[in-house]
Amino acid sequence: MASQDFQVDIREIFKNISSSMKAELDQVRCAIPHSGEKGQINEETFRNFFIQYLPKSLDISTGFVIDTKGGISRQLDIIISDSAKTPIFL
């Protein structure tokens, strides 16, 4: 039995994923007049993208980051963290 050689065009895969995400974002821009709502839906679209394509060992969330000295960041729309090593307080 002869093995079949094949190639995956990763650029084409990413291009299709990017086009799909852009179409979803464009739909929101056209359908929703309120800028705050647009922003919230755009953030959700990106979070869903990351959840779908990043390794399951990563956590996608929103909130604040606290550093080792107790300093706190401004509110972050998307936080990507190692779910096994990063404590989530609230």
N, C-alpha and C. Protein backbone atom coordinates (compact mmCIF):
# COMPACT_ATOMS: atom_id res chain seq x y z
N MET A 1 0.84 -1.17 0.00
CA MET A 1 0.00 0.00 0.00
C MET A 1 0.90 1.24 0.00
N ALA A 2 0.72 2.07 -0.96
CA ALA A 2 1.54 3.28 -1.09
C ALA A 2 0.97 4.37 -0.20
N SER A 3 1.85 5.08 0.48
CA SER A 3 1.39 6.19 1.31
C SER A 3 1.13 7.40 0.42
N GLN A 4 0.12 8.14 0.79
CA GLN A 4 -0.20 9.34 0.02
C GLN A 4 0.40 10.54 0.72
N ASP A 5 1.12 11.33 -0.06
CA ASP A 5 1.67 12.57 0.47
C ASP A 5 0.64 13.68 0.24
N PHE A 6 0.42 14.47 1.25
CA PHE A 6 -0.46 15.62 1.08
C PHE A 6 0.08 16.76 1.92
N GLN A 7 -0.34 17.94 1.56
CA GLN A 7 0.09 19.13 2.27
C GLN A 7 -1.13 19.90 2.73
N VAL A 8 -0.97 20.53 3.86
CA VAL A 8 -2.01 21.40 4.38
C VAL A 8 -1.57 22.84 4.15
N ASP A 9 -2.43 23.61 3.54
CA ASP A 9 -2.12 25.02 3.30
C ASP A 9 -2.60 25.83 4.50
N ILE A 10 -1.74 25.96 5.49
CA ILE A 10 -2.10 26.64 6.74
C ILE A 10 -2.47 28.10 6.49
N ARG A 11 -1.85 28.72 5.52
CA ARG A 11 -2.20 30.11 5.20
C ARG A 11 -3.64 30.21 4.73
N GLU A 12 -4.08 29.26 3.94
CA GLU A 12 -5.46 29.26 3.45
C GLU A 12 -6.43 29.03 4.60
N ILE A 13 -6.07 28.14 5.51
CA ILE A 13 -6.92 27.88 6.67
C ILE A 13 -7.08 29.16 7.49
N PHE A 14 -5.97 29.83 7.80
CA PHE A 14 -6.04 31.07 8.58
C PHE A 14 -6.77 32.17 7.82
N LYS A 15 -6.60 32.20 6.52
CA LYS A 15 -7.31 33.19 5.70
C LYS A 15 -8.82 32.98 5.81
N ASN A 16 -9.27 31.73 5.74
CA ASN A 16 -10.70 31.44 5.84
C ASN A 16 -11.24 31.77 7.22
N ILE A 17 -10.48 31.43 8.26
CA ILE A 17 -10.89 31.75 9.63
C ILE A 17 -10.99 33.26 9.80
N SER A 18 -9.99 33.97 9.30
CA SER A 18 -9.97 35.42 9.39
C SER A 18 -11.16 36.04 8.65
N SER A 19 -11.46 35.53 7.48
CA SER A 19 -12.60 36.04 6.70
C SER A 19 -13.91 35.82 7.44
N SER A 20 -14.04 34.67 8.07
CA SER A 20 -15.26 34.37 8.82
C SER A 20 -15.42 35.32 10.01
N MET A 21 -14.32 35.56 10.73
CA MET A 21 -14.37 36.47 11.87
C MET A 21 -14.67 37.90 11.41
N LYS A 22 -14.04 38.32 10.33
CA LYS A 22 -14.27 39.66 9.81
C LYS A 22 -15.74 39.83 9.41
N ALA A 23 -16.32 38.82 8.77
CA ALA A 23 -17.73 38.90 8.37
C ALA A 23 -18.63 39.04 9.60
N GLU A 24 -18.31 38.30 10.66
CA GLU A 24 -19.11 38.40 11.89
C GLU A 24 -18.99 39.79 12.51
N LEU A 25 -17.78 40.34 12.52
CA LEU A 25 -17.57 41.68 13.07
C LEU A 25 -18.26 42.74 12.21
N ASP A 26 -18.20 42.58 10.88
CA ASP A 26 -18.87 43.52 9.98
C ASP A 26 -20.38 43.49 10.17
N GLN A 27 -20.92 42.31 10.41
CA GLN A 27 -22.35 42.17 10.65
C GLN A 27 -22.76 42.95 11.89
N VAL A 28 -21.96 42.86 12.94
CA VAL A 28 -22.24 43.60 14.17
C VAL A 28 -22.18 45.10 13.91
N ARG A 29 -21.17 45.54 13.18
CA ARG A 29 -21.01 46.97 12.90
C ARG A 29 -22.22 47.53 12.16
N CYS A 30 -22.78 46.74 11.26
CA CYS A 30 -23.93 47.19 10.47
C CYS A 30 -25.24 47.10 11.25
N ALA A 31 -25.38 46.11 12.11
CA ALA A 31 -26.66 45.83 12.74
C ALA A 31 -26.89 46.57 14.04
N ILE A 32 -25.83 46.96 14.73
CA ILE A 32 -25.97 47.53 16.08
C ILE A 32 -25.47 48.97 16.07
N PRO A 33 -26.34 49.93 16.35
CA PRO A 33 -25.93 51.33 16.30
C PRO A 33 -25.19 51.80 17.56
N HIS A 34 -25.39 51.18 18.70
CA HIS A 34 -24.82 51.64 19.96
C HIS A 34 -23.37 51.19 20.09
N SER A 35 -22.44 52.14 20.25
CA SER A 35 -21.02 51.81 20.26
C SER A 35 -20.63 50.92 21.44
N GLY A 36 -21.24 51.12 22.59
CA GLY A 36 -20.94 50.27 23.75
C GLY A 36 -21.33 48.82 23.50
N GLU A 37 -22.50 48.62 22.92
CA GLU A 37 -22.97 47.27 22.58
C GLU A 37 -22.08 46.64 21.51
N LYS A 38 -21.69 47.45 20.51
CA LYS A 38 -20.79 46.95 19.47
C LYS A 38 -19.50 46.44 20.11
N GLY A 39 -18.95 47.23 21.01
CA GLY A 39 -17.70 46.86 21.67
C GLY A 39 -17.84 45.57 22.45
N GLN A 40 -18.94 45.44 23.17
CA GLN A 40 -19.16 44.24 23.97
C GLN A 40 -19.28 43.00 23.08
N ILE A 41 -20.01 43.12 21.98
CA ILE A 41 -20.16 41.98 21.07
C ILE A 41 -18.85 41.67 20.36
N ASN A 42 -18.08 42.70 20.01
CA ASN A 42 -16.77 42.47 19.40
C ASN A 42 -15.85 41.70 20.36
N GLU A 43 -15.85 42.09 21.63
CA GLU A 43 -15.04 41.40 22.63
C GLU A 43 -15.47 39.95 22.76
N GLU A 44 -16.76 39.72 22.76
CA GLU A 44 -17.29 38.36 22.86
C GLU A 44 -16.88 37.53 21.64
N THR A 45 -16.90 38.15 20.46
CA THR A 45 -16.48 37.46 19.24
C THR A 45 -15.03 37.02 19.35
N PHE A 46 -14.15 37.91 19.84
CA PHE A 46 -12.74 37.55 19.99
C PHE A 46 -12.55 36.47 21.04
N ARG A 47 -13.26 36.58 22.17
CA ARG A 47 -13.15 35.55 23.21
C ARG A 47 -13.57 34.19 22.66
N ASN A 48 -14.68 34.16 21.91
CA ASN A 48 -15.15 32.90 21.33
C ASN A 48 -14.14 32.34 20.33
N PHE A 49 -13.50 33.22 19.57
CA PHE A 49 -12.46 32.79 18.64
C PHE A 49 -11.32 32.12 19.41
N PHE A 50 -10.86 32.77 20.46
CA PHE A 50 -9.75 32.21 21.25
C PHE A 50 -10.15 30.88 21.89
N ILE A 51 -11.36 30.80 22.41
CA ILE A 51 -11.84 29.56 23.03
C ILE A 51 -11.83 28.43 22.00
N GLN A 52 -12.21 28.75 20.79
CA GLN A 52 -12.30 27.72 19.74
C GLN A 52 -10.92 27.27 19.25
N TYR A 53 -9.94 28.19 19.15
CA TYR A 53 -8.69 27.87 18.47
C TYR A 53 -7.46 27.74 19.37
N LEU A 54 -7.52 28.24 20.59
CA LEU A 54 -6.36 28.10 21.48
C LEU A 54 -6.45 26.77 22.23
N PRO A 55 -5.32 26.29 22.72
CA PRO A 55 -5.33 25.03 23.49
C PRO A 55 -6.26 25.13 24.70
N LYS A 56 -6.88 24.03 25.04
CA LYS A 56 -7.83 23.99 26.15
C LYS A 56 -7.16 24.23 27.50
N SER A 57 -5.85 24.14 27.54
CA SER A 57 -5.13 24.40 28.80
C SER A 57 -5.08 25.89 29.13
N LEU A 58 -5.52 26.74 28.20
CA LEU A 58 -5.54 28.18 28.43
C LEU A 58 -6.96 28.61 28.78
N ASP A 59 -7.03 29.58 29.67
CA ASP A 59 -8.32 30.14 30.09
C ASP A 59 -8.49 31.50 29.44
N ILE A 60 -9.67 31.79 28.95
CA ILE A 60 -9.99 33.08 28.35
C ILE A 60 -11.00 33.75 29.27
N SER A 61 -10.65 34.93 29.76
CA SER A 61 -11.54 35.61 30.68
C SER A 61 -11.44 37.12 30.49
N THR A 62 -12.11 37.84 31.34
CA THR A 62 -12.07 39.30 31.37
C THR A 62 -11.93 39.71 32.83
N GLY A 63 -11.39 40.88 33.09
CA GLY A 63 -11.28 41.31 34.48
C GLY A 63 -10.05 42.17 34.73
N PHE A 64 -9.43 41.93 35.87
CA PHE A 64 -8.27 42.71 36.30
C PHE A 64 -7.11 41.76 36.60
N VAL A 65 -5.90 42.24 36.44
CA VAL A 65 -4.72 41.45 36.77
C VAL A 65 -4.05 42.11 37.97
N ILE A 66 -3.70 41.29 38.94
CA ILE A 66 -3.00 41.77 40.14
C ILE A 66 -1.56 41.30 40.05
N ASP A 67 -0.61 42.22 40.23
CA ASP A 67 0.79 41.83 40.18
C ASP A 67 1.28 41.37 41.57
N THR A 68 2.52 40.95 41.64
CA THR A 68 3.06 40.39 42.88
C THR A 68 3.17 41.40 44.02
N LYS A 69 3.09 42.69 43.70
CA LYS A 69 3.17 43.72 44.74
C LYS A 69 1.79 44.25 45.13
N GLY A 70 0.74 43.64 44.57
CA GLY A 70 -0.62 44.05 44.90
C GLY A 70 -1.19 45.11 43.97
N GLY A 71 -0.41 45.52 42.98
CA GLY A 71 -0.92 46.50 42.02
C GLY A 71 -1.98 45.85 41.15
N ILE A 72 -2.94 46.67 40.74
CA ILE A 72 -4.05 46.14 39.94
C ILE A 72 -4.13 46.88 38.61
N SER A 73 -4.36 46.12 37.55
CA SER A 73 -4.45 46.71 36.21
C SER A 73 -5.78 47.42 36.03
N ARG A 74 -5.88 48.13 34.93
CA ARG A 74 -7.19 48.63 34.52
C ARG A 74 -7.99 47.42 34.04
N GLN A 75 -9.28 47.59 33.81
CA GLN A 75 -10.12 46.48 33.37
C GLN A 75 -9.65 46.01 32.00
N LEU A 76 -9.48 44.70 31.85
CA LEU A 76 -9.02 44.12 30.59
C LEU A 76 -10.17 43.35 29.95
N ASP A 77 -10.36 43.56 28.65
CA ASP A 77 -11.45 42.90 27.93
C ASP A 77 -11.19 41.42 27.70
N ILE A 78 -9.92 41.08 27.48
CA ILE A 78 -9.56 39.68 27.24
C ILE A 78 -8.28 39.37 28.00
N ILE A 79 -8.35 38.33 28.83
CA ILE A 79 -7.18 37.85 29.56
C ILE A 79 -6.98 36.39 29.16
N ILE A 80 -5.78 36.06 28.70
CA ILE A 80 -5.44 34.68 28.36
C ILE A 80 -4.44 34.22 29.41
N SER A 81 -4.79 33.14 30.11
CA SER A 81 -3.92 32.66 31.19
C SER A 81 -3.84 31.14 31.16
N ASP A 82 -2.79 30.62 31.80
CA ASP A 82 -2.62 29.18 31.93
C ASP A 82 -3.55 28.72 33.04
N SER A 83 -4.57 27.96 32.70
CA SER A 83 -5.59 27.60 33.67
C SER A 83 -5.06 26.73 34.80
N ALA A 84 -3.97 26.01 34.58
CA ALA A 84 -3.42 25.15 35.62
C ALA A 84 -2.53 25.90 36.60
N LYS A 85 -2.03 27.08 36.20
CA LYS A 85 -1.04 27.78 37.03
C LYS A 85 -1.47 29.17 37.49
N THR A 86 -2.60 29.63 37.01
CA THR A 86 -3.02 31.00 37.32
C THR A 86 -4.23 30.98 38.24
N PRO A 87 -4.09 31.55 39.43
CA PRO A 87 -5.26 31.59 40.32
C PRO A 87 -6.28 32.63 39.84
N ILE A 88 -7.52 32.24 39.92
CA ILE A 88 -8.63 33.15 39.60
C ILE A 88 -9.35 33.40 40.93
N PHE A 89 -9.38 34.64 41.37
CA PHE A 89 -9.95 34.96 42.68
C PHE A 89 -11.45 35.17 42.64
N LEU A 90 -11.95 35.86 41.65
CA LEU A 90 -13.39 36.11 41.54
C LEU A 90 -13.83 35.84 40.11
